[in-house]
């Protein structure tokens, strides 16, 4: 059991990183942090907080550890088929050939790169630009490298695997052509300003770790960031209970349209 005042530790983390640990479900997050504190040879929060300030390796490990990085290309393939058949054609018809799309909490890049490939069936590659953001600089650095294991790319359609991936030992490198259509930027969903006038926002399997209040805040901000008629694509484990109050219409379990 790690000693010390966890509330004080949360304040120290916020002062250092601007990450508000109160927005995460406390039992889950505290258990994860305690295991990391002990792994580094500490038995209390104050000493670990000092180490975070003094040691870049410990700090980077902490950021990497508390952010949730479980991702894969074309996750939930049926929903990507829905994107392909219904939502991409709709977005392009409504908003034109250069859609403005945000992949929020993009992790290691699997999702924004999937978007580039999927969109390339509908519009010229030159028209595609995905804004991808995440809190964790470490995973975004991995995304920019673009090296993935076989499991991560298992869902990629064969035509794209052959065209855009090169095997490097047991891993697979995504092509520079795909990478060139994604812009990565550090962004904190709970603290930073949101850009506006998006045609589509994708944020999947991240908010399940947030409190109900934090989820509500993020979904409302997404609504404010979407154009009327824009689409929000969320994860299989997430739901927006009060979507009507936020100005959404529920199109399906995964897709919500901004109507107000």
C-alpha atoms as a PDB file:
ATOM      1  CA  UNK A   1       0.000   0.000   0.000  1.00  0.00           C
ATOM      2  CA  UNK A   2       1.477   3.319  -1.076  1.00  0.00           C
ATOM      3  CA  UNK A   3       1.552   5.850   1.748  1.00  0.00           C
ATOM      4  CA  UNK A   4       0.674   9.525   1.613  1.00  0.00           C
ATOM      5  CA  UNK A   5      -2.226  11.761   0.645  1.00  0.00           C
ATOM      6  CA  UNK A   6      -3.508  10.817  -2.821  1.00  0.00           C
ATOM      7  CA  UNK A   7      -5.408  14.117  -3.101  1.00  0.00           C
ATOM      8  CA  UNK A   8      -2.159  16.030  -2.609  1.00  0.00           C
ATOM      9  CA  UNK A   9      -0.479  13.804  -5.162  1.00  0.00           C
ATOM     10  CA  UNK A  10      -3.219  14.627  -7.693  1.00  0.00           C
ATOM     11  CA  UNK A  11      -2.555  18.332  -7.091  1.00  0.00           C
ATOM     12  CA  UNK A  12       1.177  17.792  -7.647  1.00  0.00           C
ATOM     13  CA  UNK A  13       0.499  15.956 -10.903  1.00  0.00           C
ATOM     14  CA  UNK A  14      -1.832  18.713 -12.100  1.00  0.00           C
ATOM     15  CA  UNK A  15       0.744  21.411 -11.280  1.00  0.00           C
ATOM     16  CA  UNK A  16       3.381  19.483 -13.208  1.00  0.00           C
ATOM     17  CA  UNK A  17       1.397  18.186 -16.195  1.00  0.00           C
ATOM     18  CA  UNK A  18      -2.025  19.911 -16.219  1.00  0.00           C
ATOM     19  CA  UNK A  19      -3.524  16.389 -16.183  1.00  0.00           C
ATOM     20  CA  UNK A  20      -6.489  16.278 -13.806  1.00  0.00           C
ATOM     21  CA  UNK A  21      -6.518  12.794 -12.287  1.00  0.00           C
ATOM     22  CA  UNK A  22      -9.876  13.581 -10.659  1.00  0.00           C
ATOM     23  CA  UNK A  23     -11.472  13.171 -14.078  1.00  0.00           C
ATOM     24  CA  UNK A  24     -10.565   9.478 -14.125  1.00  0.00           C
ATOM     25  CA  UNK A  25     -12.317   6.738 -12.163  1.00  0.00           C
ATOM     26  CA  UNK A  26     -10.318   6.845  -8.958  1.00  0.00           C
ATOM     27  CA  UNK A  27     -10.206   3.164  -8.021  1.00  0.00           C
ATOM     28  CA  UNK A  28      -8.870   2.079 -11.421  1.00  0.00           C
ATOM     29  CA  UNK A  29      -6.423   4.939 -11.825  1.00  0.00           C
ATOM     30  CA  UNK A  30      -5.072   4.805  -8.277  1.00  0.00           C
ATOM     31  CA  UNK A  31      -4.440   1.069  -8.609  1.00  0.00           C
ATOM     32  CA  UNK A  32      -2.484   1.676 -11.829  1.00  0.00           C
ATOM     33  CA  UNK A  33      -0.470   4.497 -10.284  1.00  0.00           C
ATOM     34  CA  UNK A  34       0.289   2.557  -7.090  1.00  0.00           C
ATOM     35  CA  UNK A  35       1.739  -0.308  -9.110  1.00  0.00           C
ATOM     36  CA  UNK A  36       3.947   2.167 -10.978  1.00  0.00           C
ATOM     37  CA  UNK A  37       5.084   3.903  -7.764  1.00  0.00           C
ATOM     38  CA  UNK A  38       6.108   0.556  -6.258  1.00  0.00           C
ATOM     39  CA  UNK A  39       7.763  -0.606  -9.505  1.00  0.00           C
ATOM     40  CA  UNK A  40      10.071   2.417  -9.229  1.00  0.00           C
ATOM     41  CA  UNK A  41      11.035   1.545  -5.654  1.00  0.00           C
ATOM     42  CA  UNK A  42       8.952   4.141  -3.794  1.00  0.00           C
ATOM     43  CA  UNK A  43       6.484   3.520  -0.966  1.00  0.00           C
ATOM     44  CA  UNK A  44       4.851   6.970  -0.782  1.00  0.00           C
ATOM     45  CA  UNK A  45       3.366   9.623  -3.061  1.00  0.00           C
ATOM     46  CA  UNK A  46       5.483  12.636  -1.989  1.00  0.00           C
ATOM     47  CA  UNK A  47       8.802  10.960  -2.878  1.00  0.00           C
ATOM     48  CA  UNK A  48       7.406   9.712  -6.175  1.00  0.00           C
ATOM     49  CA  UNK A  49       6.070  13.196  -6.988  1.00  0.00           C
ATOM     50  CA  UNK A  50       9.583  14.606  -6.402  1.00  0.00           C
ATOM     51  CA  UNK A  51      11.017  11.957  -8.725  1.00  0.00           C
ATOM     52  CA  UNK A  52       8.518  12.943 -11.413  1.00  0.00           C
ATOM     53  CA  UNK A  53       9.873  16.488 -11.297  1.00  0.00           C
ATOM     54  CA  UNK A  54      13.533  15.492 -11.188  1.00  0.00           C
ATOM     55  CA  UNK A  55      13.778  12.482 -13.493  1.00  0.00           C
ATOM     56  CA  UNK A  56      12.705  12.718 -17.139  1.00  0.00           C
ATOM     57  CA  UNK A  57      12.605   8.928 -17.601  1.00  0.00           C
ATOM     58  CA  UNK A  58      10.294   8.481 -14.614  1.00  0.00           C
ATOM     59  CA  UNK A  59       8.136  11.383 -15.793  1.00  0.00           C
ATOM     60  CA  UNK A  60       7.835  10.007 -19.352  1.00  0.00           C
ATOM     61  CA  UNK A  61       7.039   6.539 -18.015  1.00  0.00           C
ATOM     62  CA  UNK A  62       4.298   8.010 -15.816  1.00  0.00           C
ATOM     63  CA  UNK A  63       2.662   9.878 -18.714  1.00  0.00           C
ATOM     64  CA  UNK A  64       2.829   6.773 -20.875  1.00  0.00           C
ATOM     65  CA  UNK A  65       1.419   4.614 -18.103  1.00  0.00           C
ATOM     66  CA  UNK A  66      -1.604   6.660 -17.071  1.00  0.00           C
ATOM     67  CA  UNK A  67      -2.820   7.262 -20.605  1.00  0.00           C
ATOM     68  CA  UNK A  68      -4.748   4.389 -22.124  1.00  0.00           C
ATOM     69  CA  UNK A  69      -3.149   3.108 -25.305  1.00  0.00           C
ATOM     70  CA  UNK A  70      -5.096   0.145 -26.657  1.00  0.00           C
ATOM     71  CA  UNK A  71      -5.596   0.522 -30.369  1.00  0.00           C
ATOM     72  CA  UNK A  72      -5.728  -1.306 -33.654  1.00  0.00           C
ATOM     73  CA  UNK A  73      -6.466  -0.553 -37.285  1.00  0.00           C
ATOM     74  CA  UNK A  74     -10.115  -0.783 -38.376  1.00  0.00           C
ATOM     75  CA  UNK A  75     -11.261  -1.615 -34.845  1.00  0.00           C
ATOM     76  CA  UNK A  76     -14.870  -2.948 -34.946  1.00  0.00           C
ATOM     77  CA  UNK A  77     -14.805  -3.715 -38.706  1.00  0.00           C
ATOM     78  CA  UNK A  78     -18.603  -3.590 -39.107  1.00  0.00           C
ATOM     79  CA  UNK A  79     -18.613   0.046 -38.036  1.00  0.00           C
ATOM     80  CA  UNK A  80     -15.898   0.862 -40.559  1.00  0.00           C
ATOM     81  CA  UNK A  81     -18.170  -0.675 -43.199  1.00  0.00           C
ATOM     82  CA  UNK A  82     -20.896   1.710 -41.989  1.00  0.00           C
ATOM     83  CA  UNK A  83     -18.451   4.587 -42.294  1.00  0.00           C
ATOM     84  CA  UNK A  84     -17.616   3.497 -45.831  1.00  0.00           C
ATOM     85  CA  UNK A  85     -21.173   2.908 -47.029  1.00  0.00           C
ATOM     86  CA  UNK A  86     -23.132   5.582 -45.157  1.00  0.00           C
ATOM     87  CA  UNK A  87     -21.223   8.261 -43.286  1.00  0.00           C
ATOM     88  CA  UNK A  88     -18.332   9.145 -45.592  1.00  0.00           C
ATOM     89  CA  UNK A  89     -20.660   9.564 -48.605  1.00  0.00           C
ATOM     90  CA  UNK A  90     -23.010  11.677 -46.455  1.00  0.00           C
ATOM     91  CA  UNK A  91     -20.233  13.905 -45.145  1.00  0.00           C
ATOM     92  CA  UNK A  92     -18.797  14.428 -48.627  1.00  0.00           C
ATOM     93  CA  UNK A  93     -22.224  15.207 -50.085  1.00  0.00           C
ATOM     94  CA  UNK A  94     -22.979  17.740 -47.318  1.00  0.00           C
ATOM     95  CA  UNK A  95     -19.597  19.361 -46.853  1.00  0.00           C
ATOM     96  CA  UNK A  96     -17.601  18.741 -50.009  1.00  0.00           C
ATOM     97  CA  UNK A  97     -14.492  16.935 -51.175  1.00  0.00           C
ATOM     98  CA  UNK A  98     -12.162  18.174 -48.421  1.00  0.00           C
ATOM     99  CA  UNK A  99     -13.755  17.043 -45.142  1.00  0.00           C
ATOM    100  CA  UNK A 100     -12.430  18.412 -41.864  1.00  0.00           C
ATOM    101  CA  UNK A 101     -11.904  15.419 -39.569  1.00  0.00           C
ATOM    102  CA  UNK A 102     -10.495  15.081 -36.039  1.00  0.00           C
ATOM    103  CA  UNK A 103      -9.206  11.838 -34.550  1.00  0.00           C
ATOM    104  CA  UNK A 104      -9.240  12.655 -30.815  1.00  0.00           C
ATOM    105  CA  UNK A 105      -7.196  10.574 -28.344  1.00  0.00           C
ATOM    106  CA  UNK A 106      -5.549   8.960 -31.363  1.00  0.00           C
ATOM    107  CA  UNK A 107      -3.056   6.845 -29.397  1.00  0.00           C
ATOM    108  CA  UNK A 108      -0.455   5.164 -31.642  1.00  0.00           C
ATOM    109  CA  UNK A 109      -1.990   6.413 -34.886  1.00  0.00           C
ATOM    110  CA  UNK A 110      -3.914   3.298 -35.912  1.00  0.00           C
ATOM    111  CA  UNK A 111      -7.176   5.205 -36.146  1.00  0.00           C
ATOM    112  CA  UNK A 112      -6.150   8.319 -38.113  1.00  0.00           C
ATOM    113  CA  UNK A 113      -4.133   6.190 -40.537  1.00  0.00           C
ATOM    114  CA  UNK A 114      -7.170   3.918 -40.962  1.00  0.00           C
ATOM    115  CA  UNK A 115      -9.229   7.020 -41.748  1.00  0.00           C
ATOM    116  CA  UNK A 116      -6.823   8.114 -44.482  1.00  0.00           C
ATOM    117  CA  UNK A 117      -6.970   4.696 -46.154  1.00  0.00           C
ATOM    118  CA  UNK A 118     -10.747   4.400 -45.830  1.00  0.00           C
ATOM    119  CA  UNK A 119     -11.366   7.915 -47.155  1.00  0.00           C
ATOM    120  CA  UNK A 120      -9.078   7.319 -50.144  1.00  0.00           C
ATOM    121  CA  UNK A 121     -11.853   5.157 -51.657  1.00  0.00           C
ATOM    122  CA  UNK A 122     -14.115   8.220 -51.776  1.00  0.00           C
ATOM    123  CA  UNK A 123     -11.978  11.272 -52.496  1.00  0.00           C
ATOM    124  CA  UNK A 124      -8.517  11.942 -53.982  1.00  0.00           C
ATOM    125  CA  UNK A 125      -5.703  11.273 -51.532  1.00  0.00           C
ATOM    126  CA  UNK A 126      -4.526  14.875 -52.020  1.00  0.00           C
ATOM    127  CA  UNK A 127      -7.796  16.090 -50.424  1.00  0.00           C
ATOM    128  CA  UNK A 128      -7.367  14.100 -47.213  1.00  0.00           C
ATOM    129  CA  UNK A 129      -6.095  15.721 -44.037  1.00  0.00           C
ATOM    130  CA  UNK A 130      -6.711  14.237 -40.599  1.00  0.00           C
ATOM    131  CA  UNK A 131      -6.074  16.194 -37.411  1.00  0.00           C
ATOM    132  CA  UNK A 132      -4.935  13.684 -34.774  1.00  0.00           C
ATOM    133  CA  UNK A 133      -4.458  14.551 -31.113  1.00  0.00           C
ATOM    134  CA  UNK A 134      -3.473  12.803 -27.913  1.00  0.00           C
ATOM    135  CA  UNK A 135      -2.368  13.720 -24.420  1.00  0.00           C
ATOM    136  CA  UNK A 136       0.601  11.366 -24.561  1.00  0.00           C
ATOM    137  CA  UNK A 137       3.622  12.543 -26.534  1.00  0.00           C
ATOM    138  CA  UNK A 138       5.180   9.075 -26.299  1.00  0.00           C
ATOM    139  CA  UNK A 139       2.396   7.329 -28.209  1.00  0.00           C
ATOM    140  CA  UNK A 140       2.315  10.110 -30.779  1.00  0.00           C
ATOM    141  CA  UNK A 141       6.045   9.619 -31.299  1.00  0.00           C
ATOM    142  CA  UNK A 142       5.290   5.933 -31.964  1.00  0.00           C
ATOM    143  CA  UNK A 143       2.533   6.982 -34.358  1.00  0.00           C
ATOM    144  CA  UNK A 144       4.934   9.139 -36.343  1.00  0.00           C
ATOM    145  CA  UNK A 145       7.323   6.187 -36.662  1.00  0.00           C
ATOM    146  CA  UNK A 146       4.385   4.071 -37.882  1.00  0.00           C
ATOM    147  CA  UNK A 147       5.709   0.594 -37.008  1.00  0.00           C
ATOM    148  CA  UNK A 148       3.051  -1.941 -35.977  1.00  0.00           C
ATOM    149  CA  UNK A 149       2.788  -5.606 -35.094  1.00  0.00           C
ATOM    150  CA  UNK A 150       0.747  -8.123 -37.070  1.00  0.00           C
ATOM    151  CA  UNK A 151      -2.123  -8.057 -34.543  1.00  0.00           C
ATOM    152  CA  UNK A 152      -2.526  -4.275 -34.859  1.00  0.00           C
ATOM    153  CA  UNK A 153      -2.974  -4.401 -38.621  1.00  0.00           C
ATOM    154  CA  UNK A 154      -5.010  -7.631 -38.790  1.00  0.00           C
ATOM    155  CA  UNK A 155      -8.198  -5.689 -39.642  1.00  0.00           C
ATOM    156  CA  UNK A 156      -6.686  -3.693 -42.509  1.00  0.00           C
ATOM    157  CA  UNK A 157      -8.233  -4.671 -45.883  1.00  0.00           C
ATOM    158  CA  UNK A 158      -5.808  -6.741 -47.952  1.00  0.00           C
ATOM    159  CA  UNK A 159      -5.666  -4.152 -50.731  1.00  0.00           C
ATOM    160  CA  UNK A 160      -4.340  -1.549 -48.291  1.00  0.00           C
ATOM    161  CA  UNK A 161      -1.982  -3.957 -46.519  1.00  0.00           C
ATOM    162  CA  UNK A 162      -0.268  -4.704 -49.808  1.00  0.00           C
ATOM    163  CA  UNK A 163      -0.220  -1.098 -50.936  1.00  0.00           C
ATOM    164  CA  UNK A 164       0.692   0.794 -47.778  1.00  0.00           C
ATOM    165  CA  UNK A 165       2.640  -1.553 -45.468  1.00  0.00           C
ATOM    166  CA  UNK A 166       6.168  -2.930 -45.732  1.00  0.00           C
ATOM    167  CA  UNK A 167       7.264  -5.822 -43.536  1.00  0.00           C
ATOM    168  CA  UNK A 168      10.286  -5.052 -41.354  1.00  0.00           C
ATOM    169  CA  UNK A 169      11.254  -8.194 -39.435  1.00  0.00           C
ATOM    170  CA  UNK A 170       8.151  -9.267 -37.512  1.00  0.00           C
ATOM    171  CA  UNK A 171       6.654  -5.756 -37.756  1.00  0.00           C
ATOM    172  CA  UNK A 172       4.979  -3.675 -40.454  1.00  0.00           C
ATOM    173  CA  UNK A 173       5.884  -0.118 -41.457  1.00  0.00           C
ATOM    174  CA  UNK A 174       3.144   2.146 -42.792  1.00  0.00           C
ATOM    175  CA  UNK A 175       4.034   4.180 -45.859  1.00  0.00           C
ATOM    176  CA  UNK A 176       5.147   7.806 -45.791  1.00  0.00           C
ATOM    177  CA  UNK A 177       2.322   8.541 -48.219  1.00  0.00           C
ATOM    178  CA  UNK A 178      -0.305   7.691 -45.584  1.00  0.00           C
ATOM    179  CA  UNK A 179       1.638   9.420 -42.815  1.00  0.00           C
ATOM    180  CA  UNK A 180       1.823  12.640 -44.807  1.00  0.00           C
ATOM    181  CA  UNK A 181      -1.959  13.103 -44.553  1.00  0.00           C
ATOM    182  CA  UNK A 182      -2.070  13.098 -40.731  1.00  0.00           C
ATOM    183  CA  UNK A 183      -1.036  15.998 -38.492  1.00  0.00           C
ATOM    184  CA  UNK A 184      -0.323  15.062 -34.863  1.00  0.00           C
ATOM    185  CA  UNK A 185      -0.681  17.515 -32.001  1.00  0.00           C
ATOM    186  CA  UNK A 186      -0.651  17.219 -28.209  1.00  0.00           C
ATOM    187  CA  UNK A 187      -4.096  17.938 -26.750  1.00  0.00           C
ATOM    188  CA  UNK A 188      -5.794  17.456 -23.377  1.00  0.00           C
ATOM    189  CA  UNK A 189      -9.514  16.753 -23.850  1.00  0.00           C
ATOM    190  CA  UNK A 190     -10.332  18.050 -20.368  1.00  0.00           C
ATOM    191  CA  UNK A 191      -8.272  21.226 -20.413  1.00  0.00           C
ATOM    192  CA  UNK A 192      -7.382  22.498 -23.871  1.00  0.00           C
ATOM    193  CA  UNK A 193      -9.428  24.544 -26.315  1.00  0.00           C
ATOM    194  CA  UNK A 194     -11.252  22.610 -29.050  1.00  0.00           C
ATOM    195  CA  UNK A 195     -11.058  23.634 -32.692  1.00  0.00           C
ATOM    196  CA  UNK A 196     -14.411  24.113 -34.473  1.00  0.00           C
ATOM    197  CA  UNK A 197     -16.228  23.456 -37.759  1.00  0.00           C
ATOM    198  CA  UNK A 198     -15.458  19.753 -37.914  1.00  0.00           C
ATOM    199  CA  UNK A 199     -17.408  17.563 -40.324  1.00  0.00           C
ATOM    200  CA  UNK A 200     -16.560  14.449 -38.305  1.00  0.00           C
ATOM    201  CA  UNK A 201     -14.963  13.677 -34.942  1.00  0.00           C
ATOM    202  CA  UNK A 202     -13.757  10.206 -33.958  1.00  0.00           C
ATOM    203  CA  UNK A 203     -13.071   9.482 -30.285  1.00  0.00           C
ATOM    204  CA  UNK A 204     -13.245   5.801 -29.389  1.00  0.00           C
ATOM    205  CA  UNK A 205     -12.718   3.668 -26.284  1.00  0.00           C
ATOM    206  CA  UNK A 206     -11.079   6.408 -24.221  1.00  0.00           C
ATOM    207  CA  UNK A 207     -13.924   8.102 -22.356  1.00  0.00           C
ATOM    208  CA  UNK A 208     -14.877   4.839 -20.613  1.00  0.00           C
ATOM    209  CA  UNK A 209     -12.050   5.663 -18.193  1.00  0.00           C
ATOM    210  CA  UNK A 210     -13.496   9.104 -17.375  1.00  0.00           C
ATOM    211  CA  UNK A 211     -16.038  10.009 -14.709  1.00  0.00           C
ATOM    212  CA  UNK A 212     -19.610  10.699 -15.858  1.00  0.00           C
ATOM    213  CA  UNK A 213     -19.064  14.436 -15.314  1.00  0.00           C
ATOM    214  CA  UNK A 214     -15.892  14.457 -17.422  1.00  0.00           C
ATOM    215  CA  UNK A 215     -17.568  12.408 -20.189  1.00  0.00           C
ATOM    216  CA  UNK A 216     -20.480  14.843 -20.246  1.00  0.00           C
ATOM    217  CA  UNK A 217     -18.081  17.770 -20.538  1.00  0.00           C
ATOM    218  CA  UNK A 218     -16.197  16.197 -23.463  1.00  0.00           C
ATOM    219  CA  UNK A 219     -19.320  15.162 -25.398  1.00  0.00           C
ATOM    220  CA  UNK A 220     -20.710  18.702 -25.051  1.00  0.00           C
ATOM    221  CA  UNK A 221     -17.435  20.162 -26.322  1.00  0.00           C
ATOM    222  CA  UNK A 222     -17.464  17.759 -29.267  1.00  0.00           C
ATOM    223  CA  UNK A 223     -20.984  18.940 -30.115  1.00  0.00           C
ATOM    224  CA  UNK A 224     -19.789  22.552 -30.065  1.00  0.00           C
ATOM    225  CA  UNK A 225     -16.886  21.595 -32.352  1.00  0.00           C
ATOM    226  CA  UNK A 226     -19.036  19.891 -34.991  1.00  0.00           C
ATOM    227  CA  UNK A 227     -20.871  21.627 -37.821  1.00  0.00           C
ATOM    228  CA  UNK A 228     -24.605  21.062 -37.907  1.00  0.00           C
ATOM    229  CA  UNK A 229     -24.987  17.713 -39.663  1.00  0.00           C
ATOM    230  CA  UNK A 230     -21.519  16.606 -38.557  1.00  0.00           C
ATOM    231  CA  UNK A 231     -20.939  13.104 -37.219  1.00  0.00           C
ATOM    232  CA  UNK A 232     -19.413  11.862 -33.941  1.00  0.00           C
ATOM    233  CA  UNK A 233     -18.056   8.284 -34.073  1.00  0.00           C
ATOM    234  CA  UNK A 234     -17.546   6.721 -30.615  1.00  0.00           C
ATOM    235  CA  UNK A 235     -16.462   3.352 -29.222  1.00  0.00           C
ATOM    236  CA  UNK A 236     -18.367   0.142 -28.639  1.00  0.00           C
ATOM    237  CA  UNK A 237     -18.254   0.527 -24.853  1.00  0.00           C
ATOM    238  CA  UNK A 238     -19.496   4.120 -24.780  1.00  0.00           C
ATOM    239  CA  UNK A 239     -22.945   5.665 -24.884  1.00  0.00           C
ATOM    240  CA  UNK A 240     -24.229   9.233 -24.693  1.00  0.00           C
ATOM    241  CA  UNK A 241     -27.192   8.921 -22.365  1.00  0.00           C
ATOM    242  CA  UNK A 242     -28.456  12.505 -22.630  1.00  0.00           C
ATOM    243  CA  UNK A 243     -27.520  13.028 -26.286  1.00  0.00           C
ATOM    244  CA  UNK A 244     -30.686  15.022 -27.112  1.00  0.00           C
ATOM    245  CA  UNK A 245     -29.824  17.627 -24.477  1.00  0.00           C
ATOM    246  CA  UNK A 246     -26.439  18.085 -26.143  1.00  0.00           C
ATOM    247  CA  UNK A 247     -27.900  18.612 -29.621  1.00  0.00           C
ATOM    248  CA  UNK A 248     -27.218  15.153 -31.053  1.00  0.00           C
ATOM    249  CA  UNK A 249     -29.455  12.687 -32.862  1.00  0.00           C
ATOM    250  CA  UNK A 250     -28.511   9.053 -32.328  1.00  0.00           C
ATOM    251  CA  UNK A 251     -27.998   7.364 -35.674  1.00  0.00           C
ATOM    252  CA  UNK A 252     -26.767   4.041 -34.241  1.00  0.00           C
ATOM    253  CA  UNK A 253     -24.849   2.682 -31.259  1.00  0.00           C
ATOM    254  CA  UNK A 254     -21.606   4.195 -32.559  1.00  0.00           C
ATOM    255  CA  UNK A 255     -22.715   7.248 -34.529  1.00  0.00           C
ATOM    256  CA  UNK A 256     -24.319  10.531 -33.450  1.00  0.00           C
ATOM    257  CA  UNK A 257     -25.247  13.465 -35.672  1.00  0.00           C
ATOM    258  CA  UNK A 258     -25.219  17.081 -34.502  1.00  0.00           C
ATOM    259  CA  UNK A 259     -28.703  18.458 -35.196  1.00  0.00           C
ATOM    260  CA  UNK A 260     -28.777  21.735 -33.251  1.00  0.00           C
END
